[in-house]
């Protein structure tokens, strides 16, 4: 997952300083989805979400990435969190 997002960031000409080690640290520190607060487990997998999507000028950096469940990340798509909440 990390390499796909890094590739997309470079494709869009965005900053890409996020490392796999940072992702491991985030997973250890965030056992729940940032959007729905469900606890990750065998039935709920964590995914990497860019708060400001790469397609809208976001960067692949620690400050712009949160841990979200697959269903929330997919539903949010390329919206900002505020846009998705209204949706």
PDB file of N, CA and C in Angstrom:
ATOM      1  N   UNK A   1       0.830  -1.196   0.000  1.00  0.00           N
ATOM      2  CA  UNK A   1       0.000   0.000   0.000  1.00  0.00           C
ATOM      3  C   UNK A   1       0.871   1.255   0.000  1.00  0.00           C
ATOM      4  N   UNK A   2       1.928   1.245   0.803  1.00  0.00           N
ATOM      5  CA  UNK A   2       2.790   2.420   0.912  1.00  0.00           C
ATOM      6  C   UNK A   2       3.379   2.800  -0.442  1.00  0.00           C
ATOM      7  N   UNK A   3       3.825   1.819  -1.183  1.00  0.00           N
ATOM      8  CA  UNK A   3       4.489   2.101  -2.453  1.00  0.00           C
ATOM      9  C   UNK A   3       3.515   2.639  -3.505  1.00  0.00           C
ATOM     10  N   UNK A   4       2.282   2.169  -3.480  1.00  0.00           N
ATOM     11  CA  UNK A   4       1.265   2.674  -4.411  1.00  0.00           C
ATOM     12  C   UNK A   4       1.006   4.149  -4.135  1.00  0.00           C
ATOM     13  N   UNK A   5       0.838   4.514  -2.864  1.00  0.00           N
ATOM     14  CA  UNK A   5       0.587   5.904  -2.513  1.00  0.00           C
ATOM     15  C   UNK A   5       1.794   6.787  -2.799  1.00  0.00           C
ATOM     16  N   UNK A   6       2.987   6.265  -2.591  1.00  0.00           N
ATOM     17  CA  UNK A   6       4.185   7.035  -2.896  1.00  0.00           C
ATOM     18  C   UNK A   6       4.252   7.296  -4.404  1.00  0.00           C
ATOM     19  N   UNK A   7       3.935   6.292  -5.201  1.00  0.00           N
ATOM     20  CA  UNK A   7       3.928   6.442  -6.654  1.00  0.00           C
ATOM     21  C   UNK A   7       2.909   7.503  -7.081  1.00  0.00           C
ATOM     22  N   UNK A   8       1.696   7.446  -6.491  1.00  0.00           N
ATOM     23  CA  UNK A   8       0.663   8.426  -6.828  1.00  0.00           C
ATOM     24  C   UNK A   8       1.120   9.834  -6.462  1.00  0.00           C
ATOM     25  N   UNK A   9       1.758   9.982  -5.302  1.00  0.00           N
ATOM     26  CA  UNK A   9       2.239  11.301  -4.887  1.00  0.00           C
ATOM     27  C   UNK A   9       3.241  11.839  -5.896  1.00  0.00           C
ATOM     28  N   UNK A  10       4.158  11.019  -6.312  1.00  0.00           N
ATOM     29  CA  UNK A  10       5.157  11.446  -7.286  1.00  0.00           C
ATOM     30  C   UNK A  10       4.512  11.752  -8.625  1.00  0.00           C
ATOM     31  N   UNK A  11       3.508  10.965  -9.001  1.00  0.00           N
ATOM     32  CA  UNK A  11       2.792  11.186 -10.251  1.00  0.00           C
ATOM     33  C   UNK A  11       2.129  12.567 -10.272  1.00  0.00           C
ATOM     34  N   UNK A  12       1.565  12.963  -9.134  1.00  0.00           N
ATOM     35  CA  UNK A  12       0.906  14.264  -9.024  1.00  0.00           C
ATOM     36  C   UNK A  12       1.901  15.391  -8.717  1.00  0.00           C
ATOM     37  N   UNK A  13       3.163  15.047  -8.530  1.00  0.00           N
ATOM     38  CA  UNK A  13       4.165  16.063  -8.218  1.00  0.00           C
ATOM     39  C   UNK A  13       4.085  16.551  -6.785  1.00  0.00           C
ATOM     40  N   UNK A  14       3.628  15.707  -5.880  1.00  0.00           N
ATOM     41  CA  UNK A  14       3.464  16.066  -4.470  1.00  0.00           C
ATOM     42  C   UNK A  14       4.657  15.586  -3.648  1.00  0.00           C
ATOM     43  N   UNK A  15       4.809  16.172  -2.476  1.00  0.00           N
ATOM     44  CA  UNK A  15       5.846  15.747  -1.549  1.00  0.00           C
ATOM     45  C   UNK A  15       5.574  14.319  -1.111  1.00  0.00           C
ATOM     46  N   UNK A  16       6.636  13.560  -0.915  1.00  0.00           N
ATOM     47  CA  UNK A  16       6.500  12.167  -0.496  1.00  0.00           C
ATOM     48  C   UNK A  16       7.600  11.824   0.494  1.00  0.00           C
ATOM     49  N   UNK A  17       7.355  12.122   1.769  1.00  0.00           N
ATOM     50  CA  UNK A  17       8.361  11.869   2.792  1.00  0.00           C
ATOM     51  C   UNK A  17       7.934  10.778   3.772  1.00  0.00           C
ATOM     52  N   UNK A  18       6.760  10.204   3.570  1.00  0.00           N
ATOM     53  CA  UNK A  18       6.222   9.192   4.485  1.00  0.00           C
ATOM     54  C   UNK A  18       6.951   7.868   4.283  1.00  0.00           C
ATOM     55  N   UNK A  19       7.348   7.227   5.377  1.00  0.00           N
ATOM     56  CA  UNK A  19       8.114   5.978   5.293  1.00  0.00           C
ATOM     57  C   UNK A  19       7.301   4.792   5.829  1.00  0.00           C
ATOM     58  N   UNK A  20       7.671   3.582   5.437  1.00  0.00           N
ATOM     59  CA  UNK A  20       7.007   2.400   5.996  1.00  0.00           C
ATOM     60  C   UNK A  20       7.130   2.330   7.519  1.00  0.00           C
ATOM     61  N   UNK A  21       8.244   2.774   8.063  1.00  0.00           N
ATOM     62  CA  UNK A  21       8.422   2.768   9.523  1.00  0.00           C
ATOM     63  C   UNK A  21       7.408   3.690  10.197  1.00  0.00           C
ATOM     64  N   UNK A  22       7.128   4.829   9.589  1.00  0.00           N
ATOM     65  CA  UNK A  22       6.118   5.732  10.143  1.00  0.00           C
ATOM     66  C   UNK A  22       4.738   5.090  10.116  1.00  0.00           C
ATOM     67  N   UNK A  23       4.447   4.340   9.066  1.00  0.00           N
ATOM     68  CA  UNK A  23       3.155   3.650   8.967  1.00  0.00           C
ATOM     69  C   UNK A  23       3.017   2.620  10.085  1.00  0.00           C
ATOM     70  N   UNK A  24       4.063   1.864  10.357  1.00  0.00           N
ATOM     71  CA  UNK A  24       4.037   0.873  11.433  1.00  0.00           C
ATOM     72  C   UNK A  24       3.800   1.571  12.772  1.00  0.00           C
ATOM     73  N   UNK A  25       4.454   2.707  12.989  1.00  0.00           N
ATOM     74  CA  UNK A  25       4.255   3.471  14.224  1.00  0.00           C
ATOM     75  C   UNK A  25       2.810   3.959  14.343  1.00  0.00           C
ATOM     76  N   UNK A  26       2.250   4.425  13.245  1.00  0.00           N
ATOM     77  CA  UNK A  26       0.867   4.912  13.265  1.00  0.00           C
ATOM     78  C   UNK A  26      -0.108   3.786  13.585  1.00  0.00           C
ATOM     79  N   UNK A  27       0.119   2.618  13.002  1.00  0.00           N
ATOM     80  CA  UNK A  27      -0.761   1.476  13.270  1.00  0.00           C
ATOM     81  C   UNK A  27      -0.711   1.085  14.741  1.00  0.00           C
ATOM     82  N   UNK A  28       0.476   1.113  15.326  1.00  0.00           N
ATOM     83  CA  UNK A  28       0.626   0.755  16.736  1.00  0.00           C
ATOM     84  C   UNK A  28      -0.061   1.778  17.644  1.00  0.00           C
ATOM     85  N   UNK A  29      -0.034   3.040  17.239  1.00  0.00           N
ATOM     86  CA  UNK A  29      -0.602   4.109  18.060  1.00  0.00           C
ATOM     87  C   UNK A  29      -2.101   4.308  17.842  1.00  0.00           C
ATOM     88  N   UNK A  30      -2.629   3.843  16.721  1.00  0.00           N
ATOM     89  CA  UNK A  30      -4.036   4.086  16.388  1.00  0.00           C
ATOM     90  C   UNK A  30      -4.769   2.770  16.141  1.00  0.00           C
ATOM     91  N   UNK A  31      -5.306   2.153  17.193  1.00  0.00           N
ATOM     92  CA  UNK A  31      -6.009   0.877  17.020  1.00  0.00           C
ATOM     93  C   UNK A  31      -7.444   1.013  16.519  1.00  0.00           C
ATOM     94  N   UNK A  32      -7.873   2.248  16.239  1.00  0.00           N
ATOM     95  CA  UNK A  32      -9.246   2.472  15.765  1.00  0.00           C
ATOM     96  C   UNK A  32      -9.249   3.363  14.519  1.00  0.00           C
ATOM     97  N   UNK A  33     -10.341   3.286  13.772  1.00  0.00           N
ATOM     98  CA  UNK A  33     -10.523   4.124  12.593  1.00  0.00           C
ATOM     99  C   UNK A  33     -10.735   5.572  13.040  1.00  0.00           C
ATOM    100  N   UNK A  34     -10.050   6.484  12.410  1.00  0.00           N
ATOM    101  CA  UNK A  34     -10.149   7.898  12.771  1.00  0.00           C
ATOM    102  C   UNK A  34     -11.546   8.461  12.482  1.00  0.00           C
ATOM    103  N   UNK A  35     -12.291   7.864  11.564  1.00  0.00           N
ATOM    104  CA  UNK A  35     -13.608   8.383  11.181  1.00  0.00           C
ATOM    105  C   UNK A  35     -14.769   7.730  11.939  1.00  0.00           C
ATOM    106  N   UNK A  36     -14.767   6.406  12.061  1.00  0.00           N
ATOM    107  CA  UNK A  36     -15.911   5.732  12.696  1.00  0.00           C
ATOM    108  C   UNK A  36     -15.595   5.172  14.085  1.00  0.00           C
ATOM    109  N   UNK A  37     -14.347   5.204  14.485  1.00  0.00           N
ATOM    110  CA  UNK A  37     -13.881   4.756  15.805  1.00  0.00           C
ATOM    111  C   UNK A  37     -14.004   3.254  16.052  1.00  0.00           C
ATOM    112  N   UNK A  38     -14.285   2.462  15.004  1.00  0.00           N
ATOM    113  CA  UNK A  38     -14.323   1.011  15.202  1.00  0.00           C
ATOM    114  C   UNK A  38     -12.908   0.485  15.397  1.00  0.00           C
ATOM    115  N   UNK A  39     -12.787  -0.556  16.224  1.00  0.00           N
ATOM    116  CA  UNK A  39     -11.488  -1.143  16.540  1.00  0.00           C
ATOM    117  C   UNK A  39     -11.057  -2.089  15.424  1.00  0.00           C
ATOM    118  N   UNK A  40      -9.807  -1.961  15.000  1.00  0.00           N
ATOM    119  CA  UNK A  40      -9.272  -2.843  13.966  1.00  0.00           C
ATOM    120  C   UNK A  40      -9.080  -4.245  14.525  1.00  0.00           C
ATOM    121  N   UNK A  41      -9.313  -5.229  13.678  1.00  0.00           N
ATOM    122  CA  UNK A  41      -9.154  -6.619  14.059  1.00  0.00           C
ATOM    123  C   UNK A  41      -9.178  -7.487  12.820  1.00  0.00           C
ATOM    124  N   UNK A  42      -9.481  -8.758  13.011  1.00  0.00           N
ATOM    125  CA  UNK A  42      -9.495  -9.703  11.893  1.00  0.00           C
ATOM    126  C   UNK A  42     -10.535  -9.322  10.841  1.00  0.00           C
ATOM    127  N   UNK A  43     -11.645  -8.747  11.278  1.00  0.00           N
ATOM    128  CA  UNK A  43     -12.724  -8.396  10.339  1.00  0.00           C
ATOM    129  C   UNK A  43     -12.682  -6.937   9.884  1.00  0.00           C
ATOM    130  N   UNK A  44     -11.797  -6.130  10.446  1.00  0.00           N
ATOM    131  CA  UNK A  44     -11.700  -4.714  10.090  1.00  0.00           C
ATOM    132  C   UNK A  44     -10.231  -4.345   9.887  1.00  0.00           C
ATOM    133  N   UNK A  45      -9.866  -4.134   8.646  1.00  0.00           N
ATOM    134  CA  UNK A  45      -8.470  -3.867   8.289  1.00  0.00           C
ATOM    135  C   UNK A  45      -8.198  -2.362   8.204  1.00  0.00           C
ATOM    136  N   UNK A  46      -7.030  -1.925   8.705  1.00  0.00           N
ATOM    137  CA  UNK A  46      -6.661  -0.515   8.591  1.00  0.00           C
ATOM    138  C   UNK A  46      -6.130  -0.185   7.197  1.00  0.00           C
ATOM    139  N   UNK A  47      -6.408   1.032   6.739  1.00  0.00           N
ATOM    140  CA  UNK A  47      -5.871   1.516   5.471  1.00  0.00           C
ATOM    141  C   UNK A  47      -5.318   2.922   5.683  1.00  0.00           C
ATOM    142  N   UNK A  48      -4.505   3.345   4.742  1.00  0.00           N
ATOM    143  CA  UNK A  48      -3.877   4.654   4.774  1.00  0.00           C
ATOM    144  C   UNK A  48      -4.782   5.638   4.035  1.00  0.00           C
ATOM    145  N   UNK A  49      -5.202   6.703   4.719  1.00  0.00           N
ATOM    146  CA  UNK A  49      -6.031   7.712   4.069  1.00  0.00           C
ATOM    147  C   UNK A  49      -5.326   9.059   4.098  1.00  0.00           C
ATOM    148  N   UNK A  50      -5.333   9.737   2.953  1.00  0.00           N
ATOM    149  CA  UNK A  50      -4.794  11.094   2.874  1.00  0.00           C
ATOM    150  C   UNK A  50      -5.929  12.060   3.201  1.00  0.00           C
ATOM    151  N   UNK A  51      -5.784  12.829   4.266  1.00  0.00           N
ATOM    152  CA  UNK A  51      -6.822  13.763   4.686  1.00  0.00           C
ATOM    153  C   UNK A  51      -7.117  14.736   3.543  1.00  0.00           C
ATOM    154  N   UNK A  52      -6.085  15.364   3.016  1.00  0.00           N
ATOM    155  CA  UNK A  52      -6.208  16.167   1.801  1.00  0.00           C
ATOM    156  C   UNK A  52      -5.750  15.251   0.673  1.00  0.00           C
ATOM    157  N   UNK A  53      -6.675  14.753  -0.136  1.00  0.00           N
ATOM    158  CA  UNK A  53      -6.325  13.772  -1.161  1.00  0.00           C
ATOM    159  C   UNK A  53      -5.205  14.245  -2.085  1.00  0.00           C
ATOM    160  N   UNK A  54      -4.418  13.287  -2.548  1.00  0.00           N
ATOM    161  CA  UNK A  54      -3.330  13.596  -3.469  1.00  0.00           C
ATOM    162  C   UNK A  54      -3.858  14.314  -4.703  1.00  0.00           C
ATOM    163  N   UNK A  55      -5.041  13.907  -5.165  1.00  0.00           N
ATOM    164  CA  UNK A  55      -5.617  14.504  -6.366  1.00  0.00           C
ATOM    165  C   UNK A  55      -6.053  15.949  -6.166  1.00  0.00           C
ATOM    166  N   UNK A  56      -6.120  16.386  -4.898  1.00  0.00           N
ATOM    167  CA  UNK A  56      -6.521  17.767  -4.608  1.00  0.00           C
ATOM    168  C   UNK A  56      -5.382  18.579  -4.013  1.00  0.00           C
ATOM    169  N   UNK A  57      -4.154  18.113  -4.202  1.00  0.00           N
ATOM    170  CA  UNK A  57      -2.994  18.875  -3.741  1.00  0.00           C
ATOM    171  C   UNK A  57      -2.361  18.391  -2.462  1.00  0.00           C
ATOM    172  N   UNK A  58      -2.852  17.294  -1.903  1.00  0.00           N
ATOM    173  CA  UNK A  58      -2.279  16.770  -0.670  1.00  0.00           C
ATOM    174  C   UNK A  58      -0.926  16.125  -0.900  1.00  0.00           C
ATOM    175  N   UNK A  59      -0.174  15.977   0.169  1.00  0.00           N
ATOM    176  CA  UNK A  59       1.152  15.368   0.103  1.00  0.00           C
ATOM    177  C   UNK A  59       1.130  14.003   0.781  1.00  0.00           C
ATOM    178  N   UNK A  60       2.095  13.178   0.423  1.00  0.00           N
ATOM    179  CA  UNK A  60       2.252  11.852   1.032  1.00  0.00           C
ATOM    180  C   UNK A  60       3.212  12.010   2.205  1.00  0.00           C
ATOM    181  N   UNK A  61       2.731  12.713   3.251  1.00  0.00           N
ATOM    182  CA  UNK A  61       3.539  13.012   4.426  1.00  0.00           C
ATOM    183  C   UNK A  61       2.793  12.585   5.692  1.00  0.00           C
ATOM    184  N   UNK A  62       3.509  12.485   6.774  1.00  0.00           N
ATOM    185  CA  UNK A  62       2.938  12.067   8.059  1.00  0.00           C
ATOM    186  C   UNK A  62       1.788  12.987   8.482  1.00  0.00           C
ATOM    187  N   UNK A  63       1.923  14.257   8.217  1.00  0.00           N
ATOM    188  CA  UNK A  63       0.911  15.230   8.627  1.00  0.00           C
ATOM    189  C   UNK A  63      -0.400  15.082   7.860  1.00  0.00           C
ATOM    190  N   UNK A  64      -0.365  14.446   6.709  1.00  0.00           N
ATOM    191  CA  UNK A  64      -1.553  14.343   5.861  1.00  0.00           C
ATOM    192  C   UNK A  64      -2.152  12.934   5.826  1.00  0.00           C
ATOM    193  N   UNK A  65      -1.593  12.015   6.587  1.00  0.00           N
ATOM    194  CA  UNK A  65      -2.056  10.622   6.552  1.00  0.00           C
ATOM    195  C   UNK A  65      -2.658  10.228   7.891  1.00  0.00           C
ATOM    196  N   UNK A  66      -3.801   9.544   7.829  1.00  0.00           N
ATOM    197  CA  UNK A  66      -4.456   8.998   9.019  1.00  0.00           C
ATOM    198  C   UNK A  66      -4.787   7.530   8.765  1.00  0.00           C
ATOM    199  N   UNK A  67      -5.088   6.812   9.843  1.00  0.00           N
ATOM    200  CA  UNK A  67      -5.456   5.403   9.745  1.00  0.00           C
ATOM    201  C   UNK A  67      -6.984   5.312   9.730  1.00  0.00           C
ATOM    202  N   UNK A  68      -7.514   4.727   8.655  1.00  0.00           N
ATOM    203  CA  UNK A  68      -8.961   4.593   8.505  1.00  0.00           C
ATOM    204  C   UNK A  68      -9.305   3.166   8.090  1.00  0.00           C
ATOM    205  N   UNK A  69     -10.519   2.730   8.389  1.00  0.00           N
ATOM    206  CA  UNK A  69     -10.952   1.408   7.942  1.00  0.00           C
ATOM    207  C   UNK A  69     -11.239   1.472   6.436  1.00  0.00           C
ATOM    208  N   UNK A  70     -11.254   0.340   5.796  1.00  0.00           N
ATOM    209  CA  UNK A  70     -11.444   0.282   4.353  1.00  0.00           C
ATOM    210  C   UNK A  70     -12.797   0.872   3.940  1.00  0.00           C
ATOM    211  N   UNK A  71     -13.842   0.608   4.705  1.00  0.00           N
ATOM    212  CA  UNK A  71     -15.156   1.116   4.309  1.00  0.00           C
ATOM    213  C   UNK A  71     -15.217   2.643   4.393  1.00  0.00           C
ATOM    214  N   UNK A  72     -14.659   3.238   5.431  1.00  0.00           N
ATOM    215  CA  UNK A  72     -14.645   4.701   5.539  1.00  0.00           C
ATOM    216  C   UNK A  72     -13.744   5.311   4.472  1.00  0.00           C
ATOM    217  N   UNK A  73     -12.584   4.725   4.255  1.00  0.00           N
ATOM    218  CA  UNK A  73     -11.650   5.238   3.261  1.00  0.00           C
ATOM    219  C   UNK A  73     -12.269   5.181   1.864  1.00  0.00           C
ATOM    220  N   UNK A  74     -12.933   4.098   1.549  1.00  0.00           N
ATOM    221  CA  UNK A  74     -13.575   3.962   0.242  1.00  0.00           C
ATOM    222  C   UNK A  74     -14.732   4.939   0.084  1.00  0.00           C
ATOM    223  N   UNK A  75     -15.519   5.120   1.140  1.00  0.00           N
ATOM    224  CA  UNK A  75     -16.649   6.036   1.077  1.00  0.00           C
ATOM    225  C   UNK A  75     -16.182   7.486   0.961  1.00  0.00           C
ATOM    226  N   UNK A  76     -15.097   7.821   1.649  1.00  0.00           N
ATOM    227  CA  UNK A  76     -14.560   9.186   1.592  1.00  0.00           C
ATOM    228  C   UNK A  76     -14.022   9.493   0.206  1.00  0.00           C
ATOM    229  N   UNK A  77     -13.432   8.491  -0.451  1.00  0.00           N
ATOM    230  CA  UNK A  77     -12.901   8.615  -1.805  1.00  0.00           C
ATOM    231  C   UNK A  77     -11.915   9.771  -1.872  1.00  0.00           C
ATOM    232  N   UNK A  78     -12.108  10.740  -2.765  1.00  0.00           N
ATOM    233  CA  UNK A  78     -11.158  11.849  -2.866  1.00  0.00           C
ATOM    234  C   UNK A  78     -11.750  13.146  -2.307  1.00  0.00           C
ATOM    235  N   UNK A  79     -12.638  13.007  -1.342  1.00  0.00           N
ATOM    236  CA  UNK A  79     -13.239  14.186  -0.709  1.00  0.00           C
ATOM    237  C   UNK A  79     -12.424  14.603   0.516  1.00  0.00           C
ATOM    238  N   UNK A  80     -12.621  15.835   0.925  1.00  0.00           N
ATOM    239  CA  UNK A  80     -12.090  16.298   2.210  1.00  0.00           C
ATOM    240  C   UNK A  80     -13.000  15.729   3.296  1.00  0.00           C
ATOM    241  N   UNK A  81     -12.513  15.569   4.524  1.00  0.00           N
ATOM    242  CA  UNK A  81     -13.382  15.034   5.575  1.00  0.00           C
ATOM    243  C   UNK A  81     -14.676  15.844   5.745  1.00  0.00           C
ATOM    244  N   UNK A  82     -14.578  17.165   5.597  1.00  0.00           N
ATOM    245  CA  UNK A  82     -15.781  18.010   5.741  1.00  0.00           C
ATOM    246  C   UNK A  82     -16.782  17.736   4.618  1.00  0.00           C
ATOM    247  N   UNK A  83     -16.280  17.543   3.416  1.00  0.00           N
ATOM    248  CA  UNK A  83     -17.156  17.248   2.274  1.00  0.00           C
ATOM    249  C   UNK A  83     -17.818  15.880   2.451  1.00  0.00           C
ATOM    250  N   UNK A  84     -17.064  14.927   2.953  1.00  0.00           N
ATOM    251  CA  UNK A  84     -17.579  13.566   3.137  1.00  0.00           C
ATOM    252  C   UNK A  84     -18.625  13.528   4.238  1.00  0.00           C
ATOM    253  N   UNK A  85     -18.433  14.297   5.294  1.00  0.00           N
ATOM    254  CA  UNK A  85     -19.402  14.327   6.401  1.00  0.00           C
ATOM    255  C   UNK A  85     -20.766  14.815   5.918  1.00  0.00           C
ATOM    256  N   UNK A  86     -20.770  15.773   5.008  1.00  0.00           N
ATOM    257  CA  UNK A  86     -22.017  16.302   4.467  1.00  0.00           C
ATOM    258  C   UNK A  86     -22.651  15.305   3.531  1.00  0.00           C
ATOM    259  N   UNK A  87     -21.802  14.570   2.788  1.00  0.00           N
ATOM    260  CA  UNK A  87     -22.251  13.588   1.808  1.00  0.00           C
ATOM    261  C   UNK A  87     -23.016  12.495   2.501  1.00  0.00           C
TER     262      UNK A  87
END
